[in-house]
Amino acid sequence: MSEPPCNLALKNLCEAFLQERSQRASAGSEVLCSVHCEKLKLFCLEDKPPVCLVCQASKKHKSHDCVPIDKAIQDHKEELQTALELLQEKEKVFKPSQHTDTQIKEEFEKLHQFLRAEEEAKIAALKEEEEQKRQMMKEKMER
């Protein structure tokens, strides 16, 4: 049995469409709706995705508030900038505190090391003194 005949006109049309779509996407000129291949011009404030004009008119977004995508981008940039500035202020406040915390820990570690060394030295001196006294008592008892 042979294969069905190929519809060359339809095949060429599909290839041309796919090629044009990939060229637009690779050029980065605009992002298209994956459903309608229309430019994404709006931003749905309820669902949060960018939408094309056809999507906005559809049942899914018809009753939703939408704004131009450029305005949504600007609003989000401003929100992010505000959040970034707040984080930078917090960092300015906490960075010196963290530095001071680190310094305190380092100083206390030095003090601990010093105290451990002093403890070892005092214990060694005490043992030496005990040994000397034992020797003296032993010598006195032997006389």
N, C-alpha and C. Protein backbone atom coordinates (compact mmCIF):
# COMPACT_ATOMS: atom_id res chain seq x y z
N MET A 1 0.84 -1.17 0.00
CA MET A 1 0.00 0.00 0.00
C MET A 1 0.89 1.24 0.00
N SER A 2 0.56 2.24 -0.76
CA SER A 2 1.39 3.44 -0.87
C SER A 2 0.93 4.50 0.13
N GLU A 3 1.84 5.43 0.40
CA GLU A 3 1.54 6.51 1.34
C GLU A 3 0.56 7.49 0.69
N PRO A 4 -0.22 8.20 1.53
CA PRO A 4 -1.16 9.17 0.96
C PRO A 4 -0.38 10.31 0.31
N PRO A 5 -0.96 10.96 -0.68
CA PRO A 5 -0.25 12.04 -1.37
C PRO A 5 -0.01 13.22 -0.41
N CYS A 6 1.13 13.85 -0.58
CA CYS A 6 1.53 14.97 0.26
C CYS A 6 0.91 16.25 -0.28
N ASN A 7 0.31 17.04 0.58
CA ASN A 7 -0.25 18.33 0.19
C ASN A 7 0.87 19.35 0.26
N LEU A 8 1.55 19.57 -0.86
CA LEU A 8 2.72 20.43 -0.89
C LEU A 8 2.39 21.88 -0.55
N ALA A 9 1.25 22.35 -0.96
CA ALA A 9 0.88 23.73 -0.67
C ALA A 9 0.75 23.93 0.84
N LEU A 10 0.08 22.99 1.50
CA LEU A 10 -0.09 23.09 2.95
C LEU A 10 1.25 22.94 3.66
N LYS A 11 2.07 22.01 3.16
CA LYS A 11 3.39 21.79 3.75
C LYS A 11 4.23 23.06 3.64
N ASN A 12 4.24 23.68 2.48
CA ASN A 12 5.02 24.91 2.28
C ASN A 12 4.51 26.05 3.16
N LEU A 13 3.20 26.14 3.28
CA LEU A 13 2.61 27.18 4.10
C LEU A 13 3.00 27.00 5.58
N CYS A 14 2.93 25.77 6.04
CA CYS A 14 3.32 25.47 7.43
C CYS A 14 4.79 25.77 7.67
N GLU A 15 5.64 25.36 6.74
CA GLU A 15 7.07 25.61 6.89
C GLU A 15 7.37 27.11 6.90
N ALA A 16 6.69 27.86 6.03
CA ALA A 16 6.90 29.30 5.98
C ALA A 16 6.47 29.95 7.29
N PHE A 17 5.34 29.51 7.82
CA PHE A 17 4.84 30.04 9.09
C PHE A 17 5.82 29.74 10.22
N LEU A 18 6.27 28.49 10.30
CA LEU A 18 7.20 28.10 11.36
C LEU A 18 8.52 28.85 11.24
N GLN A 19 8.98 29.05 10.02
CA GLN A 19 10.23 29.76 9.81
C GLN A 19 10.09 31.22 10.24
N GLU A 20 8.98 31.85 9.86
CA GLU A 20 8.76 33.25 10.25
C GLU A 20 8.66 33.38 11.77
N ARG A 21 7.96 32.45 12.39
CA ARG A 21 7.81 32.49 13.84
C ARG A 21 9.15 32.31 14.54
N SER A 22 9.98 31.39 14.04
CA SER A 22 11.29 31.18 14.67
C SER A 22 12.20 32.38 14.44
N GLN A 23 12.08 33.04 13.28
CA GLN A 23 12.89 34.23 13.03
C GLN A 23 12.51 35.36 13.98
N ARG A 24 11.21 35.53 14.20
CA ARG A 24 10.76 36.56 15.14
C ARG A 24 11.26 36.26 16.55
N ALA A 25 11.17 35.00 16.93
CA ALA A 25 11.59 34.62 18.28
C ALA A 25 13.10 34.78 18.43
N SER A 26 13.88 34.38 17.41
CA SER A 26 15.33 34.48 17.51
C SER A 26 15.79 35.92 17.44
N ALA A 27 15.05 36.76 16.75
CA ALA A 27 15.42 38.17 16.67
C ALA A 27 15.14 38.87 18.00
N GLY A 28 14.30 38.27 18.80
CA GLY A 28 13.99 38.84 20.10
C GLY A 28 13.17 40.10 20.00
N SER A 29 12.58 40.35 18.84
CA SER A 29 11.85 41.59 18.64
C SER A 29 10.61 41.66 19.50
N GLU A 30 9.90 40.57 19.63
CA GLU A 30 8.70 40.58 20.44
C GLU A 30 8.36 39.16 20.86
N VAL A 31 7.69 39.06 21.97
CA VAL A 31 7.27 37.76 22.47
C VAL A 31 5.82 37.56 22.04
N LEU A 32 5.56 36.37 21.51
CA LEU A 32 4.23 36.09 20.99
C LEU A 32 3.46 35.16 21.91
N CYS A 33 2.15 35.29 21.86
CA CYS A 33 1.26 34.40 22.60
C CYS A 33 1.42 32.99 22.05
N SER A 34 1.61 32.03 22.93
CA SER A 34 1.80 30.65 22.48
C SER A 34 0.52 30.05 21.92
N VAL A 35 -0.63 30.64 22.25
CA VAL A 35 -1.91 30.12 21.76
C VAL A 35 -2.32 30.78 20.45
N HIS A 36 -2.18 32.11 20.38
CA HIS A 36 -2.71 32.85 19.22
C HIS A 36 -1.64 33.44 18.32
N CYS A 37 -0.37 33.31 18.68
CA CYS A 37 0.75 33.87 17.91
C CYS A 37 0.59 35.38 17.69
N GLU A 38 0.00 36.03 18.66
CA GLU A 38 -0.16 37.49 18.64
C GLU A 38 0.83 38.09 19.63
N LYS A 39 1.17 39.36 19.40
CA LYS A 39 2.08 40.04 20.31
C LYS A 39 1.42 40.19 21.68
N LEU A 40 2.20 39.94 22.73
CA LEU A 40 1.70 40.09 24.10
C LEU A 40 1.73 41.57 24.47
N LYS A 41 0.56 42.20 24.47
CA LYS A 41 0.48 43.64 24.69
C LYS A 41 -0.07 44.01 26.06
N LEU A 42 -0.69 43.05 26.75
CA LEU A 42 -1.35 43.34 28.01
C LEU A 42 -0.83 42.44 29.12
N PHE A 43 -1.10 42.87 30.34
CA PHE A 43 -0.73 42.08 31.52
C PHE A 43 -1.98 41.92 32.36
N CYS A 44 -2.34 40.66 32.64
CA CYS A 44 -3.53 40.36 33.44
C CYS A 44 -3.17 40.53 34.92
N LEU A 45 -3.84 41.47 35.59
CA LEU A 45 -3.54 41.75 36.99
C LEU A 45 -4.01 40.66 37.93
N GLU A 46 -4.96 39.83 37.51
CA GLU A 46 -5.46 38.76 38.37
C GLU A 46 -4.63 37.49 38.24
N ASP A 47 -4.38 37.06 37.00
CA ASP A 47 -3.64 35.81 36.78
C ASP A 47 -2.14 36.02 36.70
N LYS A 48 -1.72 37.25 36.44
CA LYS A 48 -0.32 37.68 36.37
C LYS A 48 0.45 37.34 35.10
N PRO A 49 -0.11 36.68 34.09
CA PRO A 49 0.71 36.46 32.89
C PRO A 49 0.49 37.58 31.88
N PRO A 50 1.45 37.79 30.99
CA PRO A 50 1.19 38.68 29.86
C PRO A 50 0.21 37.98 28.92
N VAL A 51 -0.68 38.77 28.31
CA VAL A 51 -1.69 38.20 27.41
C VAL A 51 -1.78 39.03 26.14
N CYS A 52 -2.27 38.39 25.08
CA CYS A 52 -2.51 39.10 23.83
C CYS A 52 -3.94 39.64 23.86
N LEU A 53 -4.30 40.43 22.85
CA LEU A 53 -5.64 41.01 22.80
C LEU A 53 -6.71 39.94 22.67
N VAL A 54 -6.40 38.86 21.95
CA VAL A 54 -7.37 37.77 21.78
C VAL A 54 -7.60 37.06 23.11
N CYS A 55 -6.51 36.83 23.87
CA CYS A 55 -6.65 36.20 25.19
C CYS A 55 -7.50 37.06 26.12
N GLN A 56 -7.30 38.38 26.07
CA GLN A 56 -8.06 39.26 26.94
C GLN A 56 -9.55 39.17 26.65
N ALA A 57 -9.90 39.00 25.38
CA ALA A 57 -11.31 38.92 24.99
C ALA A 57 -11.89 37.53 25.27
N SER A 58 -11.04 36.56 25.54
CA SER A 58 -11.52 35.20 25.77
C SER A 58 -12.17 35.09 27.14
N LYS A 59 -12.85 33.96 27.36
CA LYS A 59 -13.54 33.73 28.63
C LYS A 59 -12.57 33.77 29.81
N LYS A 60 -11.38 33.28 29.60
CA LYS A 60 -10.41 33.14 30.69
C LYS A 60 -10.05 34.48 31.33
N HIS A 61 -9.95 35.55 30.53
CA HIS A 61 -9.50 36.84 31.04
C HIS A 61 -10.52 37.97 30.85
N LYS A 62 -11.70 37.66 30.33
CA LYS A 62 -12.67 38.70 29.93
C LYS A 62 -13.03 39.63 31.09
N SER A 63 -13.28 39.11 32.26
CA SER A 63 -13.69 39.95 33.39
C SER A 63 -12.50 40.44 34.22
N HIS A 64 -11.29 40.12 33.79
CA HIS A 64 -10.10 40.50 34.55
C HIS A 64 -9.62 41.90 34.16
N ASP A 65 -8.99 42.57 35.12
CA ASP A 65 -8.37 43.85 34.83
C ASP A 65 -7.03 43.60 34.16
N CYS A 66 -6.82 44.27 33.03
CA CYS A 66 -5.56 44.15 32.30
C CYS A 66 -5.00 45.55 32.08
N VAL A 67 -3.68 45.65 32.09
CA VAL A 67 -3.01 46.92 31.82
C VAL A 67 -2.01 46.70 30.69
N PRO A 68 -1.62 47.78 30.01
CA PRO A 68 -0.59 47.62 28.97
C PRO A 68 0.68 47.02 29.57
N ILE A 69 1.30 46.15 28.82
CA ILE A 69 2.46 45.41 29.34
C ILE A 69 3.59 46.35 29.73
N ASP A 70 3.76 47.45 28.98
CA ASP A 70 4.82 48.40 29.32
C ASP A 70 4.59 49.02 30.70
N LYS A 71 3.33 49.33 31.01
CA LYS A 71 3.00 49.88 32.34
C LYS A 71 3.26 48.84 33.42
N ALA A 72 2.86 47.59 33.16
CA ALA A 72 3.09 46.52 34.14
C ALA A 72 4.58 46.33 34.37
N ILE A 73 5.36 46.38 33.31
CA ILE A 73 6.82 46.24 33.44
C ILE A 73 7.37 47.37 34.29
N GLN A 74 6.94 48.60 33.99
CA GLN A 74 7.42 49.76 34.75
C GLN A 74 7.02 49.65 36.22
N ASP A 75 5.77 49.25 36.48
CA ASP A 75 5.30 49.10 37.86
C ASP A 75 6.12 48.04 38.60
N HIS A 76 6.37 46.92 37.94
CA HIS A 76 7.15 45.85 38.57
C HIS A 76 8.60 46.30 38.80
N LYS A 77 9.15 47.05 37.86
CA LYS A 77 10.51 47.56 38.04
C LYS A 77 10.58 48.47 39.26
N GLU A 78 9.56 49.33 39.39
CA GLU A 78 9.53 50.24 40.54
C GLU A 78 9.39 49.47 41.85
N GLU A 79 8.54 48.44 41.86
CA GLU A 79 8.39 47.61 43.06
C GLU A 79 9.70 46.92 43.41
N LEU A 80 10.35 46.38 42.38
CA LEU A 80 11.64 45.70 42.62
C LEU A 80 12.70 46.68 43.10
N GLN A 81 12.70 47.89 42.52
CA GLN A 81 13.67 48.90 42.94
C GLN A 81 13.45 49.29 44.39
N THR A 82 12.19 49.46 44.77
CA THR A 82 11.87 49.79 46.16
C THR A 82 12.31 48.66 47.10
N ALA A 83 12.01 47.43 46.71
CA ALA A 83 12.41 46.27 47.53
C ALA A 83 13.93 46.18 47.63
N LEU A 84 14.62 46.44 46.52
CA LEU A 84 16.09 46.40 46.51
C LEU A 84 16.66 47.47 47.44
N GLU A 85 16.11 48.68 47.37
CA GLU A 85 16.59 49.75 48.24
C GLU A 85 16.37 49.40 49.71
N LEU A 86 15.23 48.81 50.02
CA LEU A 86 14.95 48.40 51.40
C LEU A 86 15.97 47.35 51.87
N LEU A 87 16.26 46.38 51.00
CA LEU A 87 17.24 45.35 51.35
C LEU A 87 18.64 45.95 51.52
N GLN A 88 18.97 46.92 50.67
CA GLN A 88 20.28 47.56 50.79
C GLN A 88 20.40 48.33 52.10
N GLU A 89 19.31 48.98 52.52
CA GLU A 89 19.30 49.68 53.80
C GLU A 89 19.48 48.70 54.96
N LYS A 90 18.77 47.58 54.87
CA LYS A 90 18.91 46.56 55.91
C LYS A 90 20.33 46.04 55.96
N GLU A 91 20.92 45.85 54.79
CA GLU A 91 22.30 45.37 54.73
C GLU A 91 23.25 46.38 55.39
N LYS A 92 23.01 47.68 55.14
CA LYS A 92 23.84 48.71 55.76
C LYS A 92 23.76 48.65 57.28
N VAL A 93 22.57 48.33 57.79
CA VAL A 93 22.37 48.26 59.24
C VAL A 93 23.02 47.01 59.81
N PHE A 94 22.84 45.88 59.13
CA PHE A 94 23.30 44.61 59.69
C PHE A 94 24.77 44.30 59.42
N LYS A 95 25.33 44.86 58.37
CA LYS A 95 26.72 44.54 58.04
C LYS A 95 27.68 44.94 59.16
N PRO A 96 27.60 46.17 59.68
CA PRO A 96 28.50 46.50 60.80
C PRO A 96 28.26 45.60 62.01
N SER A 97 27.01 45.27 62.25
CA SER A 97 26.68 44.40 63.37
C SER A 97 27.32 43.02 63.18
N GLN A 98 27.25 42.50 61.96
CA GLN A 98 27.88 41.20 61.68
C GLN A 98 29.39 41.29 61.86
N HIS A 99 29.97 42.40 61.42
CA HIS A 99 31.42 42.59 61.55
C HIS A 99 31.80 42.63 63.03
N THR A 100 31.03 43.36 63.82
CA THR A 100 31.28 43.45 65.26
C THR A 100 31.12 42.08 65.91
N ASP A 101 30.09 41.35 65.51
CA ASP A 101 29.87 40.00 66.03
C ASP A 101 31.08 39.11 65.75
N THR A 102 31.59 39.17 64.53
CA THR A 102 32.76 38.37 64.16
C THR A 102 33.98 38.78 64.99
N GLN A 103 34.17 40.08 65.17
CA GLN A 103 35.31 40.55 65.97
C GLN A 103 35.21 40.06 67.41
N ILE A 104 34.01 40.14 67.98
CA ILE A 104 33.82 39.69 69.37
C ILE A 104 34.15 38.21 69.48
N LYS A 105 33.66 37.41 68.54
CA LYS A 105 33.92 35.97 68.57
C LYS A 105 35.41 35.68 68.45
N GLU A 106 36.10 36.41 67.57
CA GLU A 106 37.54 36.21 67.41
C GLU A 106 38.29 36.57 68.69
N GLU A 107 37.91 37.69 69.31
CA GLU A 107 38.57 38.10 70.55
C GLU A 107 38.34 37.08 71.67
N PHE A 108 37.11 36.60 71.79
CA PHE A 108 36.83 35.61 72.82
C PHE A 108 37.55 34.29 72.54
N GLU A 109 37.70 33.94 71.28
CA GLU A 109 38.45 32.72 70.96
C GLU A 109 39.91 32.88 71.37
N LYS A 110 40.48 34.06 71.13
CA LYS A 110 41.86 34.31 71.58
C LYS A 110 41.97 34.21 73.10
N LEU A 111 40.97 34.80 73.79
CA LEU A 111 40.97 34.73 75.26
C LEU A 111 40.84 33.28 75.74
N HIS A 112 39.99 32.50 75.09
CA HIS A 112 39.84 31.09 75.46
C HIS A 112 41.16 30.34 75.27
N GLN A 113 41.82 30.59 74.14
CA GLN A 113 43.10 29.94 73.89
C GLN A 113 44.12 30.34 74.97
N PHE A 114 44.15 31.62 75.29
CA PHE A 114 45.06 32.10 76.33
C PHE A 114 44.76 31.42 77.66
N LEU A 115 43.47 31.36 78.03
CA LEU A 115 43.09 30.74 79.30
C LEU A 115 43.41 29.25 79.32
N ARG A 116 43.21 28.55 78.20
CA ARG A 116 43.56 27.12 78.15
C ARG A 116 45.07 26.94 78.34
N ALA A 117 45.84 27.80 77.68
CA ALA A 117 47.30 27.71 77.82
C ALA A 117 47.72 28.01 79.26
N GLU A 118 47.11 29.01 79.89
CA GLU A 118 47.40 29.34 81.29
C GLU A 118 47.03 28.19 82.21
N GLU A 119 45.87 27.58 81.95
CA GLU A 119 45.43 26.44 82.76
C GLU A 119 46.44 25.30 82.67
N GLU A 120 46.86 24.99 81.44
CA GLU A 120 47.84 23.92 81.26
C GLU A 120 49.15 24.25 81.97
N ALA A 121 49.59 25.51 81.88
CA ALA A 121 50.84 25.91 82.53
C ALA A 121 50.72 25.82 84.05
N LYS A 122 49.61 26.27 84.61
CA LYS A 122 49.41 26.21 86.07
C LYS A 122 49.33 24.77 86.56
N ILE A 123 48.62 23.92 85.82
CA ILE A 123 48.53 22.50 86.20
C ILE A 123 49.91 21.85 86.13
N ALA A 124 50.67 22.17 85.08
CA ALA A 124 52.02 21.62 84.97
C ALA A 124 52.90 22.11 86.12
N ALA A 125 52.78 23.39 86.49
CA ALA A 125 53.57 23.93 87.61
C ALA A 125 53.16 23.27 88.92
N LEU A 126 51.85 23.04 89.11
CA LEU A 126 51.36 22.38 90.32
C LEU A 126 51.90 20.96 90.42
N LYS A 127 51.88 20.23 89.30
CA LYS A 127 52.40 18.86 89.29
C LYS A 127 53.89 18.86 89.60
N GLU A 128 54.59 19.82 89.06
CA GLU A 128 56.03 19.93 89.32
C GLU A 128 56.28 20.20 90.81
N GLU A 129 55.47 21.10 91.38
CA GLU A 129 55.61 21.41 92.81
C GLU A 129 55.27 20.19 93.66
N GLU A 130 54.22 19.47 93.30
CA GLU A 130 53.85 18.24 94.03
C GLU A 130 54.99 17.23 93.99
N GLU A 131 55.58 17.09 92.81
CA GLU A 131 56.68 16.13 92.65
C GLU A 131 57.87 16.54 93.51
N GLN A 132 58.16 17.83 93.53
CA GLN A 132 59.28 18.31 94.36
C GLN A 132 59.01 18.04 95.84
N LYS A 133 57.77 18.30 96.28
CA LYS A 133 57.43 18.07 97.70
C LYS A 133 57.48 16.59 98.03
N ARG A 134 57.06 15.74 97.11
CA ARG A 134 57.15 14.29 97.32
C ARG A 134 58.61 13.87 97.50
N GLN A 135 59.42 14.41 96.62
CA GLN A 135 60.85 14.08 96.70
C GLN A 135 61.43 14.54 98.04
N MET A 136 61.04 15.74 98.47
CA MET A 136 61.56 16.25 99.75
C MET A 136 61.08 15.39 100.91
N MET A 137 59.83 14.97 100.90
CA MET A 137 59.29 14.13 101.97
C MET A 137 59.96 12.77 101.95
N LYS A 138 60.19 12.27 100.75
CA LYS A 138 60.84 10.96 100.62
C LYS A 138 62.25 11.02 101.19
N GLU A 139 62.95 12.11 100.87
CA GLU A 139 64.31 12.28 101.38
C GLU A 139 64.31 12.39 102.91
N LYS A 140 63.34 13.12 103.48
CA LYS A 140 63.26 13.28 104.94
C LYS A 140 62.95 11.95 105.61
N MET A 141 62.14 11.15 104.99
CA MET A 141 61.76 9.87 105.58
C MET A 141 62.91 8.87 105.50
N GLU A 142 63.75 9.02 104.51
CA GLU A 142 64.87 8.11 104.36
C GLU A 142 65.98 8.43 105.35
N ARG A 143 66.04 9.57 105.92
CA ARG A 143 67.10 9.96 106.85
C ARG A 143 66.90 9.41 108.19
